[in-house]
N, C-alpha and C. Protein backbone atom coordinates (compact mmCIF):
# COMPACT_ATOMS: atom_id res chain seq x y z
N MET A 1 -17.43 61.83 182.11
CA MET A 1 -18.29 62.97 182.37
C MET A 1 -18.45 63.76 181.08
N SER A 2 -19.64 64.28 180.87
CA SER A 2 -19.96 65.01 179.65
C SER A 2 -19.30 66.38 179.64
N THR A 3 -18.99 66.87 178.44
CA THR A 3 -18.46 68.22 178.31
C THR A 3 -19.57 69.25 178.19
N ASN A 4 -20.81 68.80 178.06
CA ASN A 4 -21.96 69.68 178.00
C ASN A 4 -22.15 70.31 179.38
N PRO A 5 -22.10 71.65 179.47
CA PRO A 5 -22.23 72.28 180.79
C PRO A 5 -23.57 71.98 181.48
N LEU A 6 -24.60 71.72 180.69
CA LEU A 6 -25.89 71.37 181.29
C LEU A 6 -25.82 70.03 182.00
N MET A 7 -24.91 69.19 181.57
CA MET A 7 -24.80 67.85 182.14
C MET A 7 -23.66 67.73 183.15
N SER A 8 -22.71 68.64 183.11
CA SER A 8 -21.53 68.48 183.96
C SER A 8 -21.69 69.09 185.35
N GLU A 9 -22.59 70.05 185.51
CA GLU A 9 -22.75 70.64 186.84
C GLU A 9 -23.57 69.73 187.73
N PRO A 10 -23.34 69.79 189.03
CA PRO A 10 -24.12 68.96 189.96
C PRO A 10 -25.62 69.24 189.81
N VAL A 11 -26.42 68.23 189.98
CA VAL A 11 -27.86 68.35 189.76
C VAL A 11 -28.49 69.40 190.69
N GLU A 12 -27.98 69.53 191.91
CA GLU A 12 -28.52 70.53 192.84
C GLU A 12 -28.29 71.94 192.31
N ASP A 13 -27.10 72.18 191.75
CA ASP A 13 -26.79 73.49 191.17
C ASP A 13 -27.65 73.74 189.94
N PHE A 14 -27.84 72.71 189.13
CA PHE A 14 -28.67 72.82 187.95
C PHE A 14 -30.10 73.20 188.33
N ALA A 15 -30.65 72.51 189.33
CA ALA A 15 -32.02 72.80 189.77
C ALA A 15 -32.15 74.22 190.31
N SER A 16 -31.17 74.68 191.06
CA SER A 16 -31.19 76.05 191.58
C SER A 16 -31.11 77.07 190.46
N ARG A 17 -30.29 76.77 189.47
CA ARG A 17 -30.13 77.68 188.35
C ARG A 17 -31.42 77.77 187.52
N LEU A 18 -32.14 76.66 187.40
CA LEU A 18 -33.41 76.68 186.67
C LEU A 18 -34.38 77.68 187.28
N GLU A 19 -34.45 77.71 188.59
CA GLU A 19 -35.36 78.61 189.29
C GLU A 19 -35.05 80.07 189.01
N ALA A 20 -33.77 80.39 188.78
CA ALA A 20 -33.35 81.77 188.59
C ALA A 20 -33.44 82.23 187.12
N MET A 21 -33.65 81.30 186.21
CA MET A 21 -33.67 81.63 184.79
C MET A 21 -34.94 82.38 184.40
N VAL A 22 -34.80 83.29 183.44
CA VAL A 22 -35.98 83.88 182.82
C VAL A 22 -36.57 82.84 181.88
N ASP A 23 -37.78 83.05 181.44
CA ASP A 23 -38.47 82.05 180.63
C ASP A 23 -37.69 81.66 179.38
N ASP A 24 -37.15 82.62 178.65
CA ASP A 24 -36.40 82.29 177.43
C ASP A 24 -35.20 81.39 177.73
N GLU A 25 -34.51 81.66 178.83
CA GLU A 25 -33.38 80.81 179.21
C GLU A 25 -33.85 79.40 179.57
N LEU A 26 -34.95 79.33 180.29
CA LEU A 26 -35.50 78.04 180.69
C LEU A 26 -35.90 77.23 179.46
N PHE A 27 -36.58 77.87 178.53
CA PHE A 27 -37.01 77.16 177.32
C PHE A 27 -35.82 76.77 176.45
N ALA A 28 -34.81 77.62 176.37
CA ALA A 28 -33.61 77.28 175.60
C ALA A 28 -32.89 76.10 176.26
N THR A 29 -32.89 76.05 177.58
CA THR A 29 -32.29 74.93 178.30
C THR A 29 -33.02 73.64 177.97
N MET A 30 -34.35 73.70 177.96
CA MET A 30 -35.14 72.51 177.62
C MET A 30 -34.82 72.06 176.20
N SER A 31 -34.73 72.98 175.28
CA SER A 31 -34.42 72.64 173.89
C SER A 31 -33.04 71.99 173.78
N ASN A 32 -32.07 72.56 174.48
CA ASN A 32 -30.71 72.00 174.46
C ASN A 32 -30.66 70.60 175.09
N LEU A 33 -31.43 70.41 176.15
CA LEU A 33 -31.48 69.09 176.77
C LEU A 33 -32.13 68.06 175.84
N GLU A 34 -33.16 68.48 175.12
CA GLU A 34 -33.79 67.57 174.16
C GLU A 34 -32.78 67.14 173.10
N LYS A 35 -32.00 68.09 172.61
CA LYS A 35 -30.97 67.77 171.61
C LYS A 35 -29.91 66.85 172.22
N ALA A 36 -29.53 67.12 173.46
CA ALA A 36 -28.52 66.30 174.13
C ALA A 36 -29.02 64.88 174.35
N SER A 37 -30.31 64.73 174.56
CA SER A 37 -30.86 63.40 174.82
C SER A 37 -30.76 62.50 173.60
N GLU A 38 -30.74 63.10 172.42
CA GLU A 38 -30.65 62.32 171.19
C GLU A 38 -29.27 61.68 171.03
N ALA A 39 -28.25 62.32 171.59
CA ALA A 39 -26.88 61.81 171.45
C ALA A 39 -26.26 61.47 172.80
N ALA A 40 -27.11 61.27 173.79
CA ALA A 40 -26.61 61.12 175.16
C ALA A 40 -25.94 59.77 175.39
N ASP A 41 -24.79 59.84 176.05
CA ASP A 41 -24.13 58.63 176.52
C ASP A 41 -24.84 58.12 177.77
N ASP A 42 -25.30 59.06 178.60
CA ASP A 42 -25.99 58.72 179.84
C ASP A 42 -27.42 59.24 179.73
N ALA A 43 -28.28 58.51 179.05
CA ALA A 43 -29.65 58.95 178.80
C ALA A 43 -30.42 59.16 180.10
N GLU A 44 -30.14 58.34 181.10
CA GLU A 44 -30.86 58.46 182.37
C GLU A 44 -30.61 59.82 183.02
N GLU A 45 -29.37 60.27 183.02
CA GLU A 45 -29.03 61.58 183.59
C GLU A 45 -29.67 62.70 182.79
N THR A 46 -29.66 62.59 181.48
CA THR A 46 -30.27 63.61 180.62
C THR A 46 -31.77 63.68 180.87
N LEU A 47 -32.42 62.53 180.93
CA LEU A 47 -33.86 62.50 181.16
C LEU A 47 -34.22 63.06 182.54
N ALA A 48 -33.37 62.83 183.52
CA ALA A 48 -33.62 63.39 184.85
C ALA A 48 -33.57 64.91 184.82
N ARG A 49 -32.65 65.46 184.07
CA ARG A 49 -32.54 66.92 183.96
C ARG A 49 -33.69 67.49 183.13
N ILE A 50 -34.14 66.75 182.13
CA ILE A 50 -35.32 67.17 181.37
C ILE A 50 -36.53 67.20 182.30
N ALA A 51 -36.67 66.20 183.15
CA ALA A 51 -37.79 66.15 184.10
C ALA A 51 -37.75 67.34 185.06
N LEU A 52 -36.57 67.71 185.55
CA LEU A 52 -36.45 68.89 186.41
C LEU A 52 -36.88 70.16 185.68
N THR A 53 -36.48 70.26 184.42
CA THR A 53 -36.82 71.44 183.62
C THR A 53 -38.32 71.47 183.35
N GLU A 54 -38.92 70.33 183.03
CA GLU A 54 -40.37 70.26 182.84
C GLU A 54 -41.10 70.69 184.10
N THR A 55 -40.61 70.24 185.24
CA THR A 55 -41.24 70.59 186.52
C THR A 55 -41.20 72.10 186.74
N GLU A 56 -40.08 72.74 186.41
CA GLU A 56 -39.97 74.19 186.57
C GLU A 56 -40.92 74.91 185.62
N ILE A 57 -41.05 74.44 184.40
CA ILE A 57 -41.99 75.06 183.45
C ILE A 57 -43.41 74.92 183.97
N GLU A 58 -43.76 73.74 184.44
CA GLU A 58 -45.11 73.50 184.96
C GLU A 58 -45.37 74.31 186.24
N ARG A 59 -44.33 74.55 187.03
CA ARG A 59 -44.50 75.38 188.23
C ARG A 59 -44.83 76.82 187.84
N ARG A 60 -44.18 77.31 186.79
CA ARG A 60 -44.41 78.69 186.34
C ARG A 60 -45.74 78.86 185.61
N TYR A 61 -46.18 77.80 184.97
CA TYR A 61 -47.40 77.85 184.17
C TYR A 61 -48.35 76.73 184.62
N PRO A 62 -48.95 76.89 185.79
CA PRO A 62 -49.81 75.82 186.33
C PRO A 62 -50.96 75.49 185.38
N GLY A 63 -51.17 74.21 185.18
CA GLY A 63 -52.27 73.73 184.36
C GLY A 63 -52.03 73.79 182.87
N GLU A 64 -50.90 74.33 182.44
CA GLU A 64 -50.63 74.46 181.01
C GLU A 64 -49.66 73.40 180.49
N LEU A 65 -49.18 72.55 181.38
CA LEU A 65 -48.21 71.52 181.04
C LEU A 65 -47.05 72.15 180.29
N LEU A 66 -46.74 71.68 179.11
CA LEU A 66 -45.59 72.23 178.36
C LEU A 66 -46.02 73.13 177.21
N ALA A 67 -47.28 73.56 177.19
CA ALA A 67 -47.77 74.41 176.10
C ALA A 67 -46.94 75.69 175.93
N PRO A 68 -46.55 76.37 177.01
CA PRO A 68 -45.73 77.58 176.81
C PRO A 68 -44.39 77.26 176.13
N TYR A 69 -43.79 76.14 176.46
CA TYR A 69 -42.53 75.74 175.83
C TYR A 69 -42.76 75.42 174.36
N ARG A 70 -43.80 74.66 174.05
CA ARG A 70 -44.09 74.33 172.65
C ARG A 70 -44.36 75.58 171.83
N ASN A 71 -45.09 76.54 172.41
CA ASN A 71 -45.36 77.81 171.71
C ASN A 71 -44.06 78.57 171.47
N TRP A 72 -43.20 78.61 172.48
CA TRP A 72 -41.91 79.29 172.34
C TRP A 72 -41.09 78.63 171.23
N LYS A 73 -41.09 77.31 171.22
CA LYS A 73 -40.30 76.56 170.24
C LYS A 73 -40.78 76.84 168.82
N GLN A 74 -42.08 76.99 168.62
CA GLN A 74 -42.62 77.29 167.30
C GLN A 74 -42.21 78.67 166.82
N ARG A 75 -42.00 79.59 167.75
CA ARG A 75 -41.60 80.96 167.39
C ARG A 75 -40.12 81.09 167.08
N GLN A 76 -39.32 80.05 167.38
CA GLN A 76 -37.88 80.11 167.15
C GLN A 76 -37.57 79.70 165.72
N PRO A 77 -36.93 80.58 164.94
CA PRO A 77 -36.72 80.29 163.52
C PRO A 77 -35.70 79.18 163.25
N LEU A 78 -34.77 78.92 164.14
CA LEU A 78 -33.71 77.97 163.86
C LEU A 78 -33.83 76.66 164.62
N LEU A 79 -34.90 76.46 165.35
CA LEU A 79 -35.03 75.22 166.14
C LEU A 79 -35.78 74.17 165.38
């Protein structure tokens, strides 16, 4: 099991937590998951959590796909 808290919590809890996050938290989670996917031992689990996060972003921003996340990422000086 991964020591990354994003990967160690049950997927149901992760999905519920995504819904409660403010946009900055949601986007930071997506960024952290992208980084985790590069070094993932269990890529399938990481990609599933990325898909859940993408779905939440798309739910909040209908028709914009991931544009709000990409815009947020460009504004971050250290990402």
